[in-house]
C-alpha atoms as a PDB file:
ATOM      1  CA  SER A   1     102.995 115.007 108.097  1.00  0.00           C
ATOM      2  CA  GLN A   2     101.724 111.612 106.897  1.00  0.00           C
ATOM      3  CA  GLN A   3      99.284 111.512 109.827  1.00  0.00           C
ATOM      4  CA  GLN A   4      98.002 114.952 108.671  1.00  0.00           C
ATOM      5  CA  GLY A   5      97.693 113.856 105.000  1.00  0.00           C
ATOM      6  CA  LYS A   6     100.613 115.960 103.636  1.00  0.00           C
ATOM      7  CA  PHE A   7     103.496 113.449 103.543  1.00  0.00           C
ATOM      8  CA  LEU A   8     104.709 114.324 100.001  1.00  0.00           C
ATOM      9  CA  GLU A   9     104.213 118.055 100.572  1.00  0.00           C
ATOM     10  CA  VAL A  10     106.772 117.788 103.448  1.00  0.00           C
ATOM     11  CA  TYR A  11     109.049 115.109 101.940  1.00  0.00           C
ATOM     12  CA  ILE A  12     109.792 116.901  98.650  1.00  0.00           C
ATOM     13  CA  PRO A  13     111.211 120.123 100.195  1.00  0.00           C
ATOM     14  CA  CYS A  14     113.103 118.087 102.793  1.00  0.00           C
ATOM     15  CA  PHE A  15     114.661 115.936 100.034  1.00  0.00           C
ATOM     16  CA  GLU A  16     115.470 118.985  97.898  1.00  0.00           C
ATOM     17  CA  GLY A  17     117.062 120.832 100.837  1.00  0.00           C
ATOM     18  CA  GLN A  18     118.946 117.961 102.425  1.00  0.00           C
ATOM     19  CA  GLN A  19     122.065 120.103 103.176  1.00  0.00           C
ATOM     20  CA  GLN A  20     120.059 122.383 105.513  1.00  0.00           C
ATOM     21  CA  LEU A  21     117.699 120.004 107.302  1.00  0.00           C
ATOM     22  CA  ASP A  22     117.299 121.220 110.963  1.00  0.00           C
ATOM     23  CA  GLU A  23     114.582 122.174 113.317  1.00  0.00           C
ATOM     24  CA  PRO A  24     113.880 125.631 111.900  1.00  0.00           C
ATOM     25  CA  CYS A  25     113.606 123.984 108.426  1.00  0.00           C
ATOM     26  CA  TYR A  26     111.123 121.471 109.589  1.00  0.00           C
ATOM     27  CA  THR A  27     109.065 124.073 111.433  1.00  0.00           C
ATOM     28  CA  SER A  28     109.085 126.410 108.407  1.00  0.00           C
ATOM     29  CA  ILE A  29     107.840 123.681 106.039  1.00  0.00           C
ATOM     30  CA  ALA A  30     105.075 122.603 108.500  1.00  0.00           C
ATOM     31  CA  GLN A  31     103.983 126.199 109.022  1.00  0.00           C
ATOM     32  CA  LYS A  32     103.824 126.833 105.179  1.00  0.00           C
ATOM     33  CA  LEU A  33     101.526 123.736 104.873  1.00  0.00           C
ATOM     34  CA  ASN A  34      99.334 124.781 107.808  1.00  0.00           C
ATOM     35  CA  LEU A  35     100.112 121.698 109.744  1.00  0.00           C
ATOM     36  CA  LYS A  36      99.302 121.378 113.458  1.00  0.00           C
ATOM     37  CA  LEU A  37     102.794 121.917 114.771  1.00  0.00           C
ATOM     38  CA  ASP A  38     102.334 120.142 118.137  1.00  0.00           C
ATOM     39  CA  LYS A  39     101.100 117.010 116.353  1.00  0.00           C
ATOM     40  CA  PHE A  40     103.734 117.322 113.619  1.00  0.00           C
ATOM     41  CA  ASN A  41     106.535 117.396 116.193  1.00  0.00           C
ATOM     42  CA  SER A  42     105.084 114.769 118.405  1.00  0.00           C
ATOM     43  CA  ASP A  43     104.515 112.423 115.441  1.00  0.00           C
ATOM     44  CA  ARG A  44     108.013 112.721 114.030  1.00  0.00           C
ATOM     45  CA  ASN A  45     109.687 112.356 117.468  1.00  0.00           C
ATOM     46  CA  SER A  46     107.428 109.518 118.661  1.00  0.00           C
ATOM     47  CA  PRO A  47     108.589 106.127 119.707  1.00  0.00           C
ATOM     48  CA  ALA A  48     106.694 104.678 116.723  1.00  0.00           C
ATOM     49  CA  ALA A  49     108.687 106.831 114.245  1.00  0.00           C
ATOM     50  CA  GLU A  50     111.938 105.804 115.976  1.00  0.00           C
ATOM     51  CA  ALA A  51     110.964 102.105 115.804  1.00  0.00           C
ATOM     52  CA  ALA A  52     110.130 102.409 112.151  1.00  0.00           C
ATOM     53  CA  ILE A  53     113.486 103.983 111.457  1.00  0.00           C
ATOM     54  CA  GLN A  54     115.404 101.367 113.365  1.00  0.00           C
ATOM     55  CA  LYS A  55     113.524  98.535 111.627  1.00  0.00           C
ATOM     56  CA  ASP A  56     114.483  99.978 108.265  1.00  0.00           C
ATOM     57  CA  VAL A  57     118.103 100.521 109.310  1.00  0.00           C
ATOM     58  CA  GLN A  58     118.346  96.892 110.482  1.00  0.00           C
ATOM     59  CA  LEU A  59     116.909  95.606 107.245  1.00  0.00           C
ATOM     60  CA  ALA A  60     119.218  97.749 105.211  1.00  0.00           C
ATOM     61  CA  GLN A  61     122.204  96.449 107.176  1.00  0.00           C
ATOM     62  CA  LYS A  62     121.084  92.898 106.793  1.00  0.00           C
ATOM     63  CA  LEU A  63     120.799  93.298 103.017  1.00  0.00           C
ATOM     64  CA  GLY A  64     124.129  95.227 102.760  1.00  0.00           C
ATOM     65  CA  ILE A  65     122.442  98.438 101.587  1.00  0.00           C
ATOM     66  CA  GLU A  66     124.519 101.428 102.259  1.00  0.00           C
ATOM     67  CA  GLY A  67     122.502 104.074 100.334  1.00  0.00           C
ATOM     68  CA  THR A  68     119.448 104.554  98.191  1.00  0.00           C
ATOM     69  CA  PRO A  69     118.369 103.939  95.652  1.00  0.00           C
ATOM     70  CA  PHE A  70     119.746 100.412  95.728  1.00  0.00           C
ATOM     71  CA  PHE A  71     119.006  97.858  93.099  1.00  0.00           C
ATOM     72  CA  ILE A  72     119.396  94.059  92.862  1.00  0.00           C
ATOM     73  CA  MET A  73     118.945  92.507  89.465  1.00  0.00           C
ATOM     74  CA  ASN A  74     119.388  88.646  89.339  1.00  0.00           C
ATOM     75  CA  GLY A  75     121.680  88.957  92.357  1.00  0.00           C
ATOM     76  CA  LYS A  76     123.879  91.784  90.835  1.00  0.00           C
ATOM     77  CA  THR A  77     123.733  94.927  93.174  1.00  0.00           C
ATOM     78  CA  PHE A  78     124.238  98.552  92.201  1.00  0.00           C
ATOM     79  CA  SER A  79     123.179 101.823  93.736  1.00  0.00           C
ATOM     80  CA  GLY A  80     122.891 105.520  93.334  1.00  0.00           C
ATOM     81  CA  ALA A  81     121.601 107.465  90.402  1.00  0.00           C
ATOM     82  CA  VAL A  82     121.713 105.008  87.562  1.00  0.00           C
ATOM     83  CA  GLU A  83     121.161 106.105  83.882  1.00  0.00           C
ATOM     84  CA  LEU A  84     118.741 104.022  81.922  1.00  0.00           C
ATOM     85  CA  SER A  85     121.497 102.922  79.513  1.00  0.00           C
ATOM     86  CA  GLU A  86     123.507 101.615  82.443  1.00  0.00           C
ATOM     87  CA  MET A  87     120.529  99.704  83.700  1.00  0.00           C
ATOM     88  CA  GLU A  88     119.963  98.198  80.298  1.00  0.00           C
ATOM     89  CA  SER A  89     123.579  97.163  80.148  1.00  0.00           C
ATOM     90  CA  ILE A  90     123.295  95.499  83.584  1.00  0.00           C
ATOM     91  CA  LEU A  91     120.113  93.737  82.485  1.00  0.00           C
ATOM     92  CA  ALA A  92     121.903  92.387  79.435  1.00  0.00           C
ATOM     93  CA  SER A  93     124.845  91.136  81.487  1.00  0.00           C
ATOM     94  CA  VAL A  94     122.683  89.280  84.104  1.00  0.00           C
ATOM     95  CA  SER A  95     119.995  87.655  81.779  1.00  0.00           C
ATOM     96  CA  LYS A  96     119.919  85.504  78.812  1.00  0.00           C
ATOM     97  CA  TRP A  97     118.426  86.552  75.475  1.00  0.00           C
ATOM     98  CA  GLN A  98     115.741  84.054  74.384  1.00  0.00           C
ATOM     99  CA  GLY A  99     114.824  84.765  70.735  1.00  0.00           C
ATOM    100  CA  ASN A 100     113.021  88.100  71.014  1.00  0.00           C
ATOM    101  CA  ARG A 101     113.126  88.745  74.720  1.00  0.00           C
ATOM    102  CA  TYR A 102     115.194  88.379  77.908  1.00  0.00           C
ATOM    103  CA  GLU A 103     114.482  85.577  80.319  1.00  0.00           C
ATOM    104  CA  LYS A 104     112.561  86.364  83.510  1.00  0.00           C
ATOM    105  CA  VAL A 105     114.590  88.644  85.717  1.00  0.00           C
ATOM    106  CA  SER A 106     114.243  89.272  89.436  1.00  0.00           C
ATOM    107  CA  PHE A 107     114.509  93.003  90.009  1.00  0.00           C
ATOM    108  CA  SER A 108     114.400  94.640  93.395  1.00  0.00           C
ATOM    109  CA  ILE A 109     114.431  98.415  94.147  1.00  0.00           C
ATOM    110  CA  PHE A 110     115.039  99.766  97.661  1.00  0.00           C
ATOM    111  CA  LEU A 111     114.285 103.401  98.263  1.00  0.00           C
ATOM    112  CA  THR A 112     113.937 105.521 101.325  1.00  0.00           C
ATOM    113  CA  PHE A 113     110.773 107.545 101.433  1.00  0.00           C
ATOM    114  CA  GLY A 114     110.366 109.590 104.528  1.00  0.00           C
ATOM    115  CA  LEU A 115     110.387 107.348 107.534  1.00  0.00           C
ATOM    116  CA  GLU A 116     109.785 104.171 105.520  1.00  0.00           C
ATOM    117  CA  PHE A 117     112.217 101.938 103.658  1.00  0.00           C
ATOM    118  CA  GLN A 118     110.357 100.855 100.593  1.00  0.00           C
ATOM    119  CA  ALA A 119     111.200  97.687  98.602  1.00  0.00           C
ATOM    120  CA  TRP A 120     109.631  96.605  95.371  1.00  0.00           C
ATOM    121  CA  VAL A 121     110.458  93.220  93.827  1.00  0.00           C
ATOM    122  CA  ILE A 122     109.520  92.865  90.190  1.00  0.00           C
ATOM    123  CA  GLN A 123     109.819  89.517  88.442  1.00  0.00           C
ATOM    124  CA  ASP A 124     109.082  89.844  84.787  1.00  0.00           C
ATOM    125  CA  THR A 125     110.125  89.100  81.258  1.00  0.00           C
ATOM    126  CA  PHE A 126     111.680  92.123  79.694  1.00  0.00           C
ATOM    127  CA  PRO A 127     111.077  92.469  75.889  1.00  0.00           C
ATOM    128  CA  GLY A 128     113.992  93.123  73.637  1.00  0.00           C
END
């Protein structure tokens, strides 16, 4: 779907219907989006797609990531759906308050997004 410019249009219904992902589901979504089915199937079953998945799995294993989303904040790890209040509490526990703001914090977010494992690293000063 990414190669046909409709990645999110395929990703969102797949994510929402995770309990029923199978070949008929993929085909149905692709047909609704008027994708070229032969290309869609060959792209998602290609050696390049498999290699990308394996690379992400190896990186996740190396980092000790067992699920997404996965967060690292100043070395403290947590995963799953995290409420903002919980994240603020973790931020307070891993950083020092300096007058009117927190010290610089290293914050990494790991997400799965289709066939790609995305990682963002943010280093910033969080205001109080």
